């Protein structure tokens, strides 16, 4: 997965952190959790606030289902 794979990342986060409310996650934690995901293979320094916001929004949407 790369930073641009927001849907795949969101689904993986939903599976791995089922007890977490994605609306309450700090970006520092979100960044760390994404880089720790199995299958994530991108430069940790390539993320930015816009990417993290997109991942968080996708995670919120995925967690609602």
PDB file of N, CA and C in Angstrom:
ATOM      1  N   UNK A   1       0.842  -1.186   0.000  1.00  0.00           N
ATOM      2  CA  UNK A   1       0.000   0.000   0.000  1.00  0.00           C
ATOM      3  C   UNK A   1       0.883   1.243   0.000  1.00  0.00           C
ATOM      4  N   UNK A   2       0.386   2.243  -0.650  1.00  0.00           N
ATOM      5  CA  UNK A   2       1.039   3.555  -0.683  1.00  0.00           C
ATOM      6  C   UNK A   2       0.111   4.567  -0.015  1.00  0.00           C
ATOM      7  N   UNK A   3       0.648   5.746   0.268  1.00  0.00           N
ATOM      8  CA  UNK A   3      -0.160   6.783   0.919  1.00  0.00           C
ATOM      9  C   UNK A   3      -1.423   7.118   0.124  1.00  0.00           C
ATOM     10  N   UNK A   4      -1.371   6.959  -1.179  1.00  0.00           N
ATOM     11  CA  UNK A   4      -2.521   7.305  -2.026  1.00  0.00           C
ATOM     12  C   UNK A   4      -3.619   6.238  -2.011  1.00  0.00           C
ATOM     13  N   UNK A   5      -3.362   5.086  -1.415  1.00  0.00           N
ATOM     14  CA  UNK A   5      -4.352   4.007  -1.346  1.00  0.00           C
ATOM     15  C   UNK A   5      -5.263   4.196  -0.136  1.00  0.00           C
ATOM     16  N   UNK A   6      -5.959   5.322  -0.102  1.00  0.00           N
ATOM     17  CA  UNK A   6      -6.713   5.698   1.097  1.00  0.00           C
ATOM     18  C   UNK A   6      -7.779   4.674   1.472  1.00  0.00           C
ATOM     19  N   UNK A   7      -8.485   4.120   0.489  1.00  0.00           N
ATOM     20  CA  UNK A   7      -9.547   3.145   0.794  1.00  0.00           C
ATOM     21  C   UNK A   7      -8.961   1.873   1.389  1.00  0.00           C
ATOM     22  N   UNK A   8      -7.891   1.371   0.797  1.00  0.00           N
ATOM     23  CA  UNK A   8      -7.258   0.156   1.304  1.00  0.00           C
ATOM     24  C   UNK A   8      -6.722   0.378   2.718  1.00  0.00           C
ATOM     25  N   UNK A   9      -6.120   1.533   2.936  1.00  0.00           N
ATOM     26  CA  UNK A   9      -5.597   1.867   4.262  1.00  0.00           C
ATOM     27  C   UNK A   9      -6.743   1.946   5.266  1.00  0.00           C
ATOM     28  N   UNK A  10      -7.831   2.609   4.871  1.00  0.00           N
ATOM     29  CA  UNK A  10      -8.979   2.754   5.768  1.00  0.00           C
ATOM     30  C   UNK A  10      -9.541   1.398   6.167  1.00  0.00           C
ATOM     31  N   UNK A  11      -9.677   0.495   5.216  1.00  0.00           N
ATOM     32  CA  UNK A  11     -10.206  -0.839   5.523  1.00  0.00           C
ATOM     33  C   UNK A  11      -9.260  -1.592   6.452  1.00  0.00           C
ATOM     34  N   UNK A  12      -7.968  -1.464   6.223  1.00  0.00           N
ATOM     35  CA  UNK A  12      -6.994  -2.138   7.084  1.00  0.00           C
ATOM     36  C   UNK A  12      -7.033  -1.567   8.500  1.00  0.00           C
ATOM     37  N   UNK A  13      -7.199  -0.257   8.613  1.00  0.00           N
ATOM     38  CA  UNK A  13      -7.294   0.369   9.931  1.00  0.00           C
ATOM     39  C   UNK A  13      -8.568  -0.063  10.660  1.00  0.00           C
ATOM     40  N   UNK A  14      -9.669  -0.170   9.922  1.00  0.00           N
ATOM     41  CA  UNK A  14     -10.923  -0.631  10.514  1.00  0.00           C
ATOM     42  C   UNK A  14     -10.752  -2.030  11.087  1.00  0.00           C
ATOM     43  N   UNK A  15     -10.078  -2.891  10.343  1.00  0.00           N
ATOM     44  CA  UNK A  15      -9.854  -4.263  10.805  1.00  0.00           C
ATOM     45  C   UNK A  15      -8.900  -4.313  11.998  1.00  0.00           C
ATOM     46  N   UNK A  16      -7.856  -3.533  11.954  1.00  0.00           N
ATOM     47  CA  UNK A  16      -6.821  -3.618  12.987  1.00  0.00           C
ATOM     48  C   UNK A  16      -7.189  -2.875  14.269  1.00  0.00           C
ATOM     49  N   UNK A  17      -7.961  -1.795  14.149  1.00  0.00           N
ATOM     50  CA  UNK A  17      -8.283  -0.957  15.308  1.00  0.00           C
ATOM     51  C   UNK A  17      -9.799  -0.840  15.467  1.00  0.00           C
ATOM     52  N   UNK A  18     -10.442  -1.971  15.651  1.00  0.00           N
ATOM     53  CA  UNK A  18     -11.904  -2.024  15.720  1.00  0.00           C
ATOM     54  C   UNK A  18     -12.478  -1.270  16.909  1.00  0.00           C
ATOM     55  N   UNK A  19     -11.710  -1.141  17.964  1.00  0.00           N
ATOM     56  CA  UNK A  19     -12.208  -0.485  19.171  1.00  0.00           C
ATOM     57  C   UNK A  19     -11.908   1.010  19.211  1.00  0.00           C
ATOM     58  N   UNK A  20     -11.402   1.559  18.105  1.00  0.00           N
ATOM     59  CA  UNK A  20     -11.011   2.967  18.056  1.00  0.00           C
ATOM     60  C   UNK A  20     -12.038   3.767  17.260  1.00  0.00           C
ATOM     61  N   UNK A  21     -12.402   4.935  17.798  1.00  0.00           N
ATOM     62  CA  UNK A  21     -13.255   5.867  17.061  1.00  0.00           C
ATOM     63  C   UNK A  21     -12.343   6.698  16.155  1.00  0.00           C
ATOM     64  N   UNK A  22     -12.420   6.508  14.843  1.00  0.00           N
ATOM     65  CA  UNK A  22     -11.505   7.208  13.944  1.00  0.00           C
ATOM     66  C   UNK A  22     -11.626   8.736  14.014  1.00  0.00           C
ATOM     67  N   UNK A  23     -12.746   9.234  14.511  1.00  0.00           N
ATOM     68  CA  UNK A  23     -12.909  10.681  14.630  1.00  0.00           C
ATOM     69  C   UNK A  23     -12.067  11.258  15.758  1.00  0.00           C
ATOM     70  N   UNK A  24     -11.607  10.402  16.668  1.00  0.00           N
ATOM     71  CA  UNK A  24     -10.848  10.858  17.830  1.00  0.00           C
ATOM     72  C   UNK A  24      -9.344  10.612  17.704  1.00  0.00           C
ATOM     73  N   UNK A  25      -8.897  10.131  16.558  1.00  0.00           N
ATOM     74  CA  UNK A  25      -7.487   9.779  16.383  1.00  0.00           C
ATOM     75  C   UNK A  25      -6.670  11.016  16.011  1.00  0.00           C
ATOM     76  N   UNK A  26      -5.562  11.179  16.731  1.00  0.00           N
ATOM     77  CA  UNK A  26      -4.627  12.269  16.398  1.00  0.00           C
ATOM     78  C   UNK A  26      -3.833  11.870  15.158  1.00  0.00           C
ATOM     79  N   UNK A  27      -3.449  12.866  14.373  1.00  0.00           N
ATOM     80  CA  UNK A  27      -2.703  12.584  13.148  1.00  0.00           C
ATOM     81  C   UNK A  27      -1.362  11.919  13.435  1.00  0.00           C
ATOM     82  N   UNK A  28      -0.745  12.219  14.568  1.00  0.00           N
ATOM     83  CA  UNK A  28       0.525  11.562  14.900  1.00  0.00           C
ATOM     84  C   UNK A  28       0.317  10.058  15.078  1.00  0.00           C
ATOM     85  N   UNK A  29      -0.784   9.681  15.740  1.00  0.00           N
ATOM     86  CA  UNK A  29      -1.099   8.256  15.899  1.00  0.00           C
ATOM     87  C   UNK A  29      -1.498   7.631  14.567  1.00  0.00           C
ATOM     88  N   UNK A  30      -2.307   8.339  13.810  1.00  0.00           N
ATOM     89  CA  UNK A  30      -2.752   7.833  12.511  1.00  0.00           C
ATOM     90  C   UNK A  30      -1.540   7.564  11.610  1.00  0.00           C
ATOM     91  N   UNK A  31      -0.626   8.491  11.566  1.00  0.00           N
ATOM     92  CA  UNK A  31       0.575   8.328  10.746  1.00  0.00           C
ATOM     93  C   UNK A  31       1.336   7.068  11.161  1.00  0.00           C
ATOM     94  N   UNK A  32       1.536   6.898  12.450  1.00  0.00           N
ATOM     95  CA  UNK A  32       2.272   5.736  12.951  1.00  0.00           C
ATOM     96  C   UNK A  32       1.536   4.444  12.619  1.00  0.00           C
ATOM     97  N   UNK A  33       0.224   4.420  12.839  1.00  0.00           N
ATOM     98  CA  UNK A  33      -0.559   3.217  12.583  1.00  0.00           C
ATOM     99  C   UNK A  33      -0.525   2.835  11.109  1.00  0.00           C
ATOM    100  N   UNK A  34      -0.597   3.832  10.229  1.00  0.00           N
ATOM    101  CA  UNK A  34      -0.553   3.538   8.794  1.00  0.00           C
ATOM    102  C   UNK A  34       0.799   2.923   8.435  1.00  0.00           C
ATOM    103  N   UNK A  35       1.875   3.509   8.919  1.00  0.00           N
ATOM    104  CA  UNK A  35       3.201   2.996   8.575  1.00  0.00           C
ATOM    105  C   UNK A  35       3.454   1.614   9.163  1.00  0.00           C
ATOM    106  N   UNK A  36       2.709   1.247  10.219  1.00  0.00           N
ATOM    107  CA  UNK A  36       2.854  -0.072  10.840  1.00  0.00           C
ATOM    108  C   UNK A  36       1.975  -1.146  10.199  1.00  0.00           C
ATOM    109  N   UNK A  37       1.088  -0.747   9.287  1.00  0.00           N
ATOM    110  CA  UNK A  37       0.199  -1.718   8.659  1.00  0.00           C
ATOM    111  C   UNK A  37       0.980  -2.723   7.824  1.00  0.00           C
ATOM    112  N   UNK A  38       0.568  -3.987   7.920  1.00  0.00           N
ATOM    113  CA  UNK A  38       1.166  -5.006   7.062  1.00  0.00           C
ATOM    114  C   UNK A  38       0.831  -4.681   5.613  1.00  0.00           C
ATOM    115  N   UNK A  39       1.812  -4.696   4.772  1.00  0.00           N
ATOM    116  CA  UNK A  39       1.587  -4.393   3.363  1.00  0.00           C
ATOM    117  C   UNK A  39       1.820  -2.935   3.011  1.00  0.00           C
ATOM    118  N   UNK A  40       2.040  -2.090   4.020  1.00  0.00           N
ATOM    119  CA  UNK A  40       2.325  -0.687   3.719  1.00  0.00           C
ATOM    120  C   UNK A  40       3.783  -0.577   3.303  1.00  0.00           C
ATOM    121  N   UNK A  41       4.000   0.006   2.130  1.00  0.00           N
ATOM    122  CA  UNK A  41       5.347   0.090   1.581  1.00  0.00           C
ATOM    123  C   UNK A  41       5.536   1.434   0.880  1.00  0.00           C
ATOM    124  N   UNK A  42       5.656   2.472   1.672  1.00  0.00           N
ATOM    125  CA  UNK A  42       5.870   3.809   1.117  1.00  0.00           C
ATOM    126  C   UNK A  42       6.755   4.579   2.087  1.00  0.00           C
ATOM    127  N   UNK A  43       7.297   5.658   1.620  1.00  0.00           N
ATOM    128  CA  UNK A  43       8.166   6.492   2.439  1.00  0.00           C
ATOM    129  C   UNK A  43       7.323   7.191   3.504  1.00  0.00           C
ATOM    130  N   UNK A  44       7.617   6.967   4.785  1.00  0.00           N
ATOM    131  CA  UNK A  44       6.842   7.612   5.854  1.00  0.00           C
ATOM    132  C   UNK A  44       6.849   9.130   5.774  1.00  0.00           C
ATOM    133  N   UNK A  45       7.854   9.698   5.161  1.00  0.00           N
ATOM    134  CA  UNK A  45       7.960  11.154   5.065  1.00  0.00           C
ATOM    135  C   UNK A  45       7.138  11.743   3.921  1.00  0.00           C
ATOM    136  N   UNK A  46       6.501  10.912   3.121  1.00  0.00           N
ATOM    137  CA  UNK A  46       5.716  11.405   1.986  1.00  0.00           C
ATOM    138  C   UNK A  46       4.293  11.787   2.367  1.00  0.00           C
ATOM    139  N   UNK A  47       3.914  11.558   3.596  1.00  0.00           N
ATOM    140  CA  UNK A  47       2.552  11.918   4.003  1.00  0.00           C
ATOM    141  C   UNK A  47       2.497  13.397   4.352  1.00  0.00           C
ATOM    142  N   UNK A  48       1.285  13.911   4.365  1.00  0.00           N
ATOM    143  CA  UNK A  48       1.052  15.287   4.804  1.00  0.00           C
ATOM    144  C   UNK A  48      -0.353  15.357   5.397  1.00  0.00           C
ATOM    145  N   UNK A  49      -0.718  16.520   5.869  1.00  0.00           N
ATOM    146  CA  UNK A  49      -2.014  16.672   6.534  1.00  0.00           C
ATOM    147  C   UNK A  49      -3.175  16.322   5.605  1.00  0.00           C
ATOM    148  N   UNK A  50      -3.075  16.709   4.349  1.00  0.00           N
ATOM    149  CA  UNK A  50      -4.144  16.436   3.391  1.00  0.00           C
ATOM    150  C   UNK A  50      -4.341  14.927   3.199  1.00  0.00           C
ATOM    151  N   UNK A  51      -3.241  14.187   3.091  1.00  0.00           N
ATOM    152  CA  UNK A  51      -3.327  12.732   2.934  1.00  0.00           C
ATOM    153  C   UNK A  51      -3.917  12.099   4.184  1.00  0.00           C
ATOM    154  N   UNK A  52      -3.455  12.531   5.356  1.00  0.00           N
ATOM    155  CA  UNK A  52      -3.971  11.970   6.606  1.00  0.00           C
ATOM    156  C   UNK A  52      -5.452  12.291   6.785  1.00  0.00           C
ATOM    157  N   UNK A  53      -5.877  13.476   6.377  1.00  0.00           N
ATOM    158  CA  UNK A  53      -7.301  13.826   6.444  1.00  0.00           C
ATOM    159  C   UNK A  53      -8.120  12.916   5.539  1.00  0.00           C
ATOM    160  N   UNK A  54      -7.610  12.632   4.352  1.00  0.00           N
ATOM    161  CA  UNK A  54      -8.327  11.761   3.407  1.00  0.00           C
ATOM    162  C   UNK A  54      -8.431  10.340   3.964  1.00  0.00           C
ATOM    163  N   UNK A  55      -7.341   9.859   4.573  1.00  0.00           N
ATOM    164  CA  UNK A  55      -7.366   8.527   5.179  1.00  0.00           C
ATOM    165  C   UNK A  55      -8.357   8.490   6.333  1.00  0.00           C
ATOM    166  N   UNK A  56      -8.327   9.509   7.174  1.00  0.00           N
ATOM    167  CA  UNK A  56      -9.234   9.554   8.310  1.00  0.00           C
ATOM    168  C   UNK A  56     -10.693   9.600   7.842  1.00  0.00           C
ATOM    169  N   UNK A  57     -10.980  10.389   6.829  1.00  0.00           N
ATOM    170  CA  UNK A  57     -12.353  10.480   6.306  1.00  0.00           C
ATOM    171  C   UNK A  57     -12.812   9.129   5.748  1.00  0.00           C
ATOM    172  N   UNK A  58     -11.929   8.459   5.030  1.00  0.00           N
ATOM    173  CA  UNK A  58     -12.275   7.140   4.484  1.00  0.00           C
ATOM    174  C   UNK A  58     -12.469   6.132   5.607  1.00  0.00           C
ATOM    175  N   UNK A  59     -11.666   6.227   6.650  1.00  0.00           N
ATOM    176  CA  UNK A  59     -11.788   5.319   7.796  1.00  0.00           C
ATOM    177  C   UNK A  59     -13.114   5.553   8.516  1.00  0.00           C
ATOM    178  N   UNK A  60     -13.475   6.798   8.697  1.00  0.00           N
ATOM    179  CA  UNK A  60     -14.760   7.131   9.342  1.00  0.00           C
ATOM    180  C   UNK A  60     -15.909   6.529   8.530  1.00  0.00           C
ATOM    181  N   UNK A  61     -15.834   6.695   7.229  1.00  0.00           N
ATOM    182  CA  UNK A  61     -16.890   6.160   6.350  1.00  0.00           C
ATOM    183  C   UNK A  61     -16.912   4.634   6.409  1.00  0.00           C
ATOM    184  N   UNK A  62     -15.749   4.004   6.389  1.00  0.00           N
ATOM    185  CA  UNK A  62     -15.670   2.550   6.431  1.00  0.00           C
ATOM    186  C   UNK A  62     -16.156   2.013   7.767  1.00  0.00           C
ATOM    187  N   UNK A  63     -15.843   2.696   8.845  1.00  0.00           N
ATOM    188  CA  UNK A  63     -16.227   2.255  10.186  1.00  0.00           C
ATOM    189  C   UNK A  63     -17.735   2.384  10.418  1.00  0.00           C
ATOM    190  N   UNK A  64     -18.409   3.219   9.646  1.00  0.00           N
ATOM    191  CA  UNK A  64     -19.856   3.410   9.799  1.00  0.00           C
ATOM    192  C   UNK A  64     -20.653   2.227   9.253  1.00  0.00           C
ATOM    193  N   UNK A  65     -20.054   1.382   8.470  1.00  0.00           N
ATOM    194  CA  UNK A  65     -20.776   0.265   7.858  1.00  0.00           C
ATOM    195  C   UNK A  65     -20.714  -0.977   8.681  1.00  0.00           C
TER     196      UNK A  65
END
